[in-house]
Every structure is written in C-alpha cells, then in structure tokens.
Amino acid sequence: MGSPGEVRGDIMRRKARRLTISLSQELAQVVKEIARERKTSRSKMLSACLEELAKKRLCAQMEEGYKTMANENLECAKTAMNLAHEAMPDWI
C-alpha cells in the first residue's frame, strides 16, 4: 500500500457518488461557512474533511500494525538469542 498521501490522491480520482445526509442546523451552517471561506462547494469541503479523516485513520492503523510487528520481532529476537546461547554458550 502506498503512503497516506497517495491514498488520498486515489480517493480524489475516484468517480463521485451522491449521498444524502442529515446534519443539525448548526453543523449545516458551519459547513456552509467553511465552504464559503475556502471558496469551494459544501460537497468538496465535506469530501476533503472525510479524506483527512480517512488518512488519519489509515495512519493510526499503520502505526498499530508497526507496533505489533515490532513487538513480535523483539520476541523473535529474544527467542533466537536464547537458542543461540543454549547451542553455543561460550560464543555469546
């Protein structure tokens, strides 16, 4: 899998799909204001927010995977060192 930035680019190149969502009046107003500030449509603004959320989610998943693998690798190295010490106690 590519970097999170590449994933975001992939998401942006995909064909758009129309969704119907419900927002509180307050949140709908915030969406409208932010879209106006950024000189973009509400749809594009919400898409950008969701893409950022997807990117953060992917980074968190990758970080968790790397931590899990690091722990597994450490345990494997400890086991290998113990076996090496048993096989060659004077060498290690």
Protein backbone atom coordinates (compact mmCIF):
# COMPACT_ATOMS: atom_id res chain seq x y z
CA MET A 1 0.00 0.00 0.00
CA GLY A 2 1.25 3.50 -0.76
CA SER A 3 1.76 6.39 1.57
CA PRO A 4 -1.26 8.10 3.13
CA GLY A 5 -0.81 10.97 0.66
CA GLU A 6 -1.03 8.53 -2.22
CA VAL A 7 -4.17 7.02 -0.75
CA ARG A 8 -5.74 10.45 -0.56
CA GLY A 9 -4.90 11.07 -4.19
CA ASP A 10 -6.52 7.76 -5.12
CA ILE A 11 -9.68 8.73 -3.26
CA MET A 12 -9.85 12.08 -5.03
CA ARG A 13 -9.55 10.48 -8.50
CA ARG A 14 -12.50 8.15 -7.98
CA LYS A 15 -15.88 8.85 -9.51
CA ALA A 16 -18.16 10.80 -7.18
CA ARG A 17 -21.20 9.14 -5.68
CA ARG A 18 -24.19 11.13 -4.48
CA LEU A 19 -25.17 10.67 -0.83
CA THR A 20 -27.97 12.14 1.21
CA ILE A 21 -27.01 13.06 4.76
CA SER A 22 -28.74 14.74 7.67
CA LEU A 23 -26.99 17.40 9.75
CA SER A 24 -28.12 19.58 12.59
CA GLN A 25 -28.88 23.16 11.58
CA GLU A 26 -25.82 24.33 13.47
CA LEU A 27 -23.49 21.88 11.75
CA ALA A 28 -25.02 22.64 8.35
CA GLN A 29 -24.30 26.33 8.98
CA VAL A 30 -20.69 25.55 9.89
CA VAL A 31 -20.31 23.53 6.68
CA LYS A 32 -21.73 26.42 4.67
CA GLU A 33 -19.42 28.96 6.34
CA ILE A 34 -16.27 26.88 5.91
CA ALA A 35 -17.11 26.15 2.28
CA ARG A 36 -17.61 29.87 1.67
CA GLU A 37 -14.30 30.72 3.41
CA ARG A 38 -12.46 28.17 1.26
CA LYS A 39 -14.31 29.24 -1.88
CA THR A 40 -15.47 25.71 -2.60
CA SER A 41 -18.67 23.74 -2.60
CA ARG A 42 -20.08 22.14 0.52
CA SER A 43 -19.66 18.77 -1.15
CA LYS A 44 -15.97 19.32 -1.87
CA MET A 45 -15.41 20.69 1.62
CA LEU A 46 -17.06 17.66 3.24
CA SER A 47 -15.14 15.33 0.92
CA ALA A 48 -11.86 16.98 1.95
CA CYS A 49 -12.76 16.56 5.64
CA LEU A 50 -13.62 12.89 5.14
CA GLU A 51 -10.44 12.33 3.15
CA GLU A 52 -8.42 13.81 6.01
CA LEU A 53 -10.27 11.58 8.48
CA ALA A 54 -9.59 8.54 6.26
CA LYS A 55 -5.91 9.50 6.08
CA LYS A 56 -5.65 9.82 9.87
CA ARG A 57 -7.45 6.50 10.30
CA LEU A 58 -5.06 4.77 7.90
CA CYS A 59 -2.03 6.28 9.68
CA ALA A 60 -3.36 5.05 13.04
CA GLN A 61 -3.91 1.57 11.61
CA MET A 62 -0.43 1.52 10.12
CA GLU A 63 1.12 2.73 13.38
CA GLU A 64 -0.68 0.00 15.30
CA GLY A 65 0.50 -2.60 12.79
CA TYR A 66 4.10 -1.40 13.02
CA LYS A 67 3.97 -1.52 16.82
CA THR A 68 2.56 -5.04 16.73
CA MET A 69 5.24 -6.17 14.31
CA ALA A 70 7.95 -4.53 16.42
CA ASN A 71 6.79 -6.46 19.48
CA GLU A 72 6.65 -9.71 17.52
CA ASN A 73 10.13 -9.08 16.08
CA LEU A 74 11.51 -8.36 19.55
CA GLU A 75 10.09 -11.61 20.92
CA CYS A 76 11.51 -13.50 17.93
CA ALA A 77 14.94 -11.95 18.51
CA LYS A 78 14.85 -12.84 22.20
CA THR A 79 13.94 -16.43 21.37
CA ALA A 80 16.73 -16.63 18.78
CA MET A 81 19.28 -15.25 21.25
CA ASN A 82 18.20 -17.75 23.91
CA LEU A 83 18.51 -20.63 21.45
CA ALA A 84 21.90 -19.40 20.27
CA HIS A 85 23.09 -19.13 23.87
CA GLU A 86 21.95 -22.71 24.54
CA ALA A 87 23.64 -24.02 21.39
CA MET A 88 26.86 -22.01 21.80
CA PRO A 89 27.13 -20.81 25.43
CA ASP A 90 30.79 -19.80 25.12
CA TRP A 91 30.29 -17.87 21.89
CA ILE A 92 27.65 -15.42 23.06
